């Protein structure tokens, strides 16, 4: 397990750029809302802690992970934020649906990064179990939303 020996919230705060004056959007999938709520809150709190004005954090919800990229595209086109964070959770099931959803949202996020000057940050958990997702959305492994917000701050500073 990649995060078994690393707490997701262990970034060095001194190396995280300020988000003062920046506009950041968070697109949250409603599917697996227990997990995505925790991830989005972690991202939001981290952005605010690093100087992003709460009024400059745009938040929208979409039904599921596949819809994240369309929501992000709309935000890039209409609101022109300095970064977009897509937040979702896909948990392995008994069918190949998991593979198709993960591939779609990963490819879509890559395409957004190649299409717009503002970064789109991937904060989509792709776990085998609900317990693994809980551990990464505020549990024993920290909160992947925090990590995504730090990535957004660093990418905006490029």
C-alpha atoms as a PDB file:
ATOM      1  CA  UNK A   1       0.000   0.000   0.000  1.00  0.00           C
ATOM      2  CA  UNK A   2       1.540   3.290  -1.138  1.00  0.00           C
ATOM      3  CA  UNK A   3       0.391   5.317   1.877  1.00  0.00           C
ATOM      4  CA  UNK A   4       1.162   2.716   4.535  1.00  0.00           C
ATOM      5  CA  UNK A   5       4.290   4.552   5.635  1.00  0.00           C
ATOM      6  CA  UNK A   6       3.321   8.122   4.802  1.00  0.00           C
ATOM      7  CA  UNK A   7       0.690  10.343   6.351  1.00  0.00           C
ATOM      8  CA  UNK A   8      -0.971  12.349   3.585  1.00  0.00           C
ATOM      9  CA  UNK A   9      -0.892  15.541   5.646  1.00  0.00           C
ATOM     10  CA  UNK A  10       2.862  15.452   6.202  1.00  0.00           C
ATOM     11  CA  UNK A  11       3.858  18.187   3.729  1.00  0.00           C
ATOM     12  CA  UNK A  12       6.299  20.843   4.865  1.00  0.00           C
ATOM     13  CA  UNK A  13       4.150  23.976   5.332  1.00  0.00           C
ATOM     14  CA  UNK A  14       7.145  26.236   4.744  1.00  0.00           C
ATOM     15  CA  UNK A  15       7.411  25.038   1.143  1.00  0.00           C
ATOM     16  CA  UNK A  16       3.718  25.606   0.375  1.00  0.00           C
ATOM     17  CA  UNK A  17       3.137  28.855  -1.544  1.00  0.00           C
ATOM     18  CA  UNK A  18       0.510  31.341  -0.424  1.00  0.00           C
ATOM     19  CA  UNK A  19      -2.848  31.267  -2.140  1.00  0.00           C
ATOM     20  CA  UNK A  20      -3.571  34.927  -1.426  1.00  0.00           C
ATOM     21  CA  UNK A  21      -5.401  36.535  -4.321  1.00  0.00           C
ATOM     22  CA  UNK A  22      -6.123  33.201  -6.006  1.00  0.00           C
ATOM     23  CA  UNK A  23      -9.464  31.716  -7.013  1.00  0.00           C
ATOM     24  CA  UNK A  24      -9.777  27.947  -6.620  1.00  0.00           C
ATOM     25  CA  UNK A  25     -12.686  25.709  -7.558  1.00  0.00           C
ATOM     26  CA  UNK A  26     -13.576  22.403  -5.936  1.00  0.00           C
ATOM     27  CA  UNK A  27     -15.764  20.015  -7.930  1.00  0.00           C
ATOM     28  CA  UNK A  28     -17.134  17.299  -5.631  1.00  0.00           C
ATOM     29  CA  UNK A  29     -18.814  14.082  -6.722  1.00  0.00           C
ATOM     30  CA  UNK A  30     -21.935  13.294  -4.696  1.00  0.00           C
ATOM     31  CA  UNK A  31     -21.417   9.530  -5.084  1.00  0.00           C
ATOM     32  CA  UNK A  32     -19.756   8.125  -1.925  1.00  0.00           C
ATOM     33  CA  UNK A  33     -20.606  11.455  -0.266  1.00  0.00           C
ATOM     34  CA  UNK A  34     -19.281  10.421   3.142  1.00  0.00           C
ATOM     35  CA  UNK A  35     -15.808  10.230   1.597  1.00  0.00           C
ATOM     36  CA  UNK A  36     -16.053  13.121  -0.858  1.00  0.00           C
ATOM     37  CA  UNK A  37     -17.363  15.472   1.832  1.00  0.00           C
ATOM     38  CA  UNK A  38     -14.294  14.754   3.945  1.00  0.00           C
ATOM     39  CA  UNK A  39     -11.940  15.211   1.003  1.00  0.00           C
ATOM     40  CA  UNK A  40     -13.548  18.484  -0.082  1.00  0.00           C
ATOM     41  CA  UNK A  41     -13.478  19.820   3.485  1.00  0.00           C
ATOM     42  CA  UNK A  42      -9.792  18.940   3.806  1.00  0.00           C
ATOM     43  CA  UNK A  43      -9.034  20.778   0.563  1.00  0.00           C
ATOM     44  CA  UNK A  44     -11.128  23.795   1.562  1.00  0.00           C
ATOM     45  CA  UNK A  45      -9.560  24.091   5.023  1.00  0.00           C
ATOM     46  CA  UNK A  46      -6.047  23.797   3.593  1.00  0.00           C
ATOM     47  CA  UNK A  47      -6.670  26.463   0.955  1.00  0.00           C
ATOM     48  CA  UNK A  48      -7.986  28.860   3.595  1.00  0.00           C
ATOM     49  CA  UNK A  49      -5.051  28.067   5.910  1.00  0.00           C
ATOM     50  CA  UNK A  50      -2.702  29.059   3.091  1.00  0.00           C
ATOM     51  CA  UNK A  51      -4.316  32.393   2.328  1.00  0.00           C
ATOM     52  CA  UNK A  52      -7.093  31.712  -0.169  1.00  0.00           C
ATOM     53  CA  UNK A  53     -10.054  33.930   0.694  1.00  0.00           C
ATOM     54  CA  UNK A  54     -13.071  31.700   1.459  1.00  0.00           C
ATOM     55  CA  UNK A  55     -15.119  33.879  -0.900  1.00  0.00           C
ATOM     56  CA  UNK A  56     -12.678  32.907  -3.679  1.00  0.00           C
ATOM     57  CA  UNK A  57     -13.287  29.178  -3.283  1.00  0.00           C
ATOM     58  CA  UNK A  58     -15.955  28.068  -5.743  1.00  0.00           C
ATOM     59  CA  UNK A  59     -17.700  24.803  -4.920  1.00  0.00           C
ATOM     60  CA  UNK A  60     -19.990  22.746  -7.124  1.00  0.00           C
ATOM     61  CA  UNK A  61     -21.330  19.212  -6.886  1.00  0.00           C
ATOM     62  CA  UNK A  62     -21.787  16.712  -9.700  1.00  0.00           C
ATOM     63  CA  UNK A  63     -23.501  13.311  -9.501  1.00  0.00           C
ATOM     64  CA  UNK A  64     -20.459  11.047  -9.803  1.00  0.00           C
ATOM     65  CA  UNK A  65     -16.799  10.693 -10.722  1.00  0.00           C
ATOM     66  CA  UNK A  66     -17.333  10.572 -14.493  1.00  0.00           C
ATOM     67  CA  UNK A  67     -19.090  13.946 -14.321  1.00  0.00           C
ATOM     68  CA  UNK A  68     -16.174  15.606 -12.507  1.00  0.00           C
ATOM     69  CA  UNK A  69     -14.369  16.492 -15.710  1.00  0.00           C
ATOM     70  CA  UNK A  70     -17.413  18.132 -17.283  1.00  0.00           C
ATOM     71  CA  UNK A  71     -17.969  20.191 -14.119  1.00  0.00           C
ATOM     72  CA  UNK A  72     -14.304  21.189 -14.129  1.00  0.00           C
ATOM     73  CA  UNK A  73     -14.449  22.115 -17.825  1.00  0.00           C
ATOM     74  CA  UNK A  74     -17.441  24.386 -17.198  1.00  0.00           C
ATOM     75  CA  UNK A  75     -15.618  26.106 -14.344  1.00  0.00           C
ATOM     76  CA  UNK A  76     -12.484  26.602 -16.461  1.00  0.00           C
ATOM     77  CA  UNK A  77     -14.562  28.127 -19.251  1.00  0.00           C
ATOM     78  CA  UNK A  78     -17.008  30.244 -17.258  1.00  0.00           C
ATOM     79  CA  UNK A  79     -15.199  31.269 -14.067  1.00  0.00           C
ATOM     80  CA  UNK A  80     -11.527  30.993 -15.093  1.00  0.00           C
ATOM     81  CA  UNK A  81     -10.220  29.952 -11.654  1.00  0.00           C
ATOM     82  CA  UNK A  82      -6.498  29.723 -10.964  1.00  0.00           C
ATOM     83  CA  UNK A  83      -6.921  25.991 -10.220  1.00  0.00           C
ATOM     84  CA  UNK A  84      -9.644  23.354 -10.089  1.00  0.00           C
ATOM     85  CA  UNK A  85      -9.613  20.375  -7.727  1.00  0.00           C
ATOM     86  CA  UNK A  86     -11.753  17.400  -8.735  1.00  0.00           C
ATOM     87  CA  UNK A  87     -12.861  15.351  -5.718  1.00  0.00           C
ATOM     88  CA  UNK A  88     -14.293  11.873  -6.029  1.00  0.00           C
ATOM     89  CA  UNK A  89     -14.247   8.326  -4.707  1.00  0.00           C
ATOM     90  CA  UNK A  90     -14.546   5.128  -6.724  1.00  0.00           C
ATOM     91  CA  UNK A  91     -14.588   1.864  -4.778  1.00  0.00           C
ATOM     92  CA  UNK A  92     -13.885  -1.489  -6.443  1.00  0.00           C
ATOM     93  CA  UNK A  93     -16.974  -3.579  -7.008  1.00  0.00           C
ATOM     94  CA  UNK A  94     -17.707  -6.902  -8.628  1.00  0.00           C
ATOM     95  CA  UNK A  95     -17.813  -5.629 -12.232  1.00  0.00           C
ATOM     96  CA  UNK A  96     -15.491  -3.853 -14.655  1.00  0.00           C
ATOM     97  CA  UNK A  97     -17.401  -0.592 -14.062  1.00  0.00           C
ATOM     98  CA  UNK A  98     -14.667   0.454 -11.589  1.00  0.00           C
ATOM     99  CA  UNK A  99     -12.009   0.247 -14.322  1.00  0.00           C
ATOM    100  CA  UNK A 100     -14.029   2.276 -16.813  1.00  0.00           C
ATOM    101  CA  UNK A 101     -14.877   5.019 -14.324  1.00  0.00           C
ATOM    102  CA  UNK A 102     -11.287   5.314 -13.073  1.00  0.00           C
ATOM    103  CA  UNK A 103      -9.917   5.403 -16.608  1.00  0.00           C
ATOM    104  CA  UNK A 104     -12.461   8.002 -17.701  1.00  0.00           C
ATOM    105  CA  UNK A 105     -11.856  10.463 -14.876  1.00  0.00           C
ATOM    106  CA  UNK A 106      -8.072  10.027 -15.069  1.00  0.00           C
ATOM    107  CA  UNK A 107      -7.977  10.596 -18.809  1.00  0.00           C
ATOM    108  CA  UNK A 108     -10.422  13.509 -18.534  1.00  0.00           C
ATOM    109  CA  UNK A 109      -8.325  15.215 -15.878  1.00  0.00           C
ATOM    110  CA  UNK A 110      -5.207  14.832 -18.019  1.00  0.00           C
ATOM    111  CA  UNK A 111      -7.050  16.360 -20.975  1.00  0.00           C
ATOM    112  CA  UNK A 112      -8.137  19.335 -18.858  1.00  0.00           C
ATOM    113  CA  UNK A 113      -4.535  19.918 -17.804  1.00  0.00           C
ATOM    114  CA  UNK A 114      -3.477  19.964 -21.437  1.00  0.00           C
ATOM    115  CA  UNK A 115      -6.369  22.202 -22.526  1.00  0.00           C
ATOM    116  CA  UNK A 116      -6.321  25.019 -19.958  1.00  0.00           C
ATOM    117  CA  UNK A 117      -3.615  27.208 -18.446  1.00  0.00           C
ATOM    118  CA  UNK A 118      -4.973  26.629 -14.934  1.00  0.00           C
ATOM    119  CA  UNK A 119      -4.199  23.225 -13.404  1.00  0.00           C
ATOM    120  CA  UNK A 120      -6.823  20.595 -12.660  1.00  0.00           C
ATOM    121  CA  UNK A 121      -5.800  18.615  -9.591  1.00  0.00           C
ATOM    122  CA  UNK A 122      -6.799  14.945  -9.304  1.00  0.00           C
ATOM    123  CA  UNK A 123      -8.259  14.109  -5.891  1.00  0.00           C
ATOM    124  CA  UNK A 124     -10.125  10.937  -6.717  1.00  0.00           C
ATOM    125  CA  UNK A 125      -9.702   7.960  -4.432  1.00  0.00           C
ATOM    126  CA  UNK A 126      -9.663   4.615  -6.257  1.00  0.00           C
ATOM    127  CA  UNK A 127      -9.706   2.139  -3.405  1.00  0.00           C
ATOM    128  CA  UNK A 128     -10.598  -1.511  -3.003  1.00  0.00           C
ATOM    129  CA  UNK A 129     -12.752  -0.964   0.092  1.00  0.00           C
ATOM    130  CA  UNK A 130     -14.741   1.693   1.898  1.00  0.00           C
ATOM    131  CA  UNK A 131     -12.377   1.309   4.860  1.00  0.00           C
ATOM    132  CA  UNK A 132      -9.403   2.272   2.658  1.00  0.00           C
ATOM    133  CA  UNK A 133     -11.289   5.367   1.486  1.00  0.00           C
ATOM    134  CA  UNK A 134     -12.146   6.351   5.043  1.00  0.00           C
ATOM    135  CA  UNK A 135      -8.480   6.029   6.009  1.00  0.00           C
ATOM    136  CA  UNK A 136      -7.566   8.538   3.261  1.00  0.00           C
ATOM    137  CA  UNK A 137     -10.379  11.055   3.758  1.00  0.00           C
ATOM    138  CA  UNK A 138      -9.643  12.083   7.318  1.00  0.00           C
ATOM    139  CA  UNK A 139      -8.710   8.749   8.885  1.00  0.00           C
ATOM    140  CA  UNK A 140      -5.447   7.092   9.859  1.00  0.00           C
ATOM    141  CA  UNK A 141      -3.681   8.063   6.635  1.00  0.00           C
ATOM    142  CA  UNK A 142      -4.767  11.707   6.798  1.00  0.00           C
ATOM    143  CA  UNK A 143      -6.780  13.430   4.111  1.00  0.00           C
ATOM    144  CA  UNK A 144      -6.020  13.273   0.401  1.00  0.00           C
ATOM    145  CA  UNK A 145      -7.967  16.537   0.042  1.00  0.00           C
ATOM    146  CA  UNK A 146      -5.224  18.297   1.999  1.00  0.00           C
ATOM    147  CA  UNK A 147      -2.630  16.861  -0.367  1.00  0.00           C
ATOM    148  CA  UNK A 148      -4.667  17.995  -3.391  1.00  0.00           C
ATOM    149  CA  UNK A 149      -4.945  21.553  -2.048  1.00  0.00           C
ATOM    150  CA  UNK A 150      -1.179  21.672  -1.485  1.00  0.00           C
ATOM    151  CA  UNK A 151      -0.666  20.430  -5.049  1.00  0.00           C
ATOM    152  CA  UNK A 152      -3.001  23.162  -6.323  1.00  0.00           C
ATOM    153  CA  UNK A 153      -1.098  25.847  -4.403  1.00  0.00           C
ATOM    154  CA  UNK A 154       2.215  24.596  -5.767  1.00  0.00           C
ATOM    155  CA  UNK A 155       0.936  24.327  -9.333  1.00  0.00           C
ATOM    156  CA  UNK A 156      -0.566  27.824  -9.239  1.00  0.00           C
ATOM    157  CA  UNK A 157       2.864  29.113  -8.231  1.00  0.00           C
ATOM    158  CA  UNK A 158       4.497  27.784 -11.431  1.00  0.00           C
END
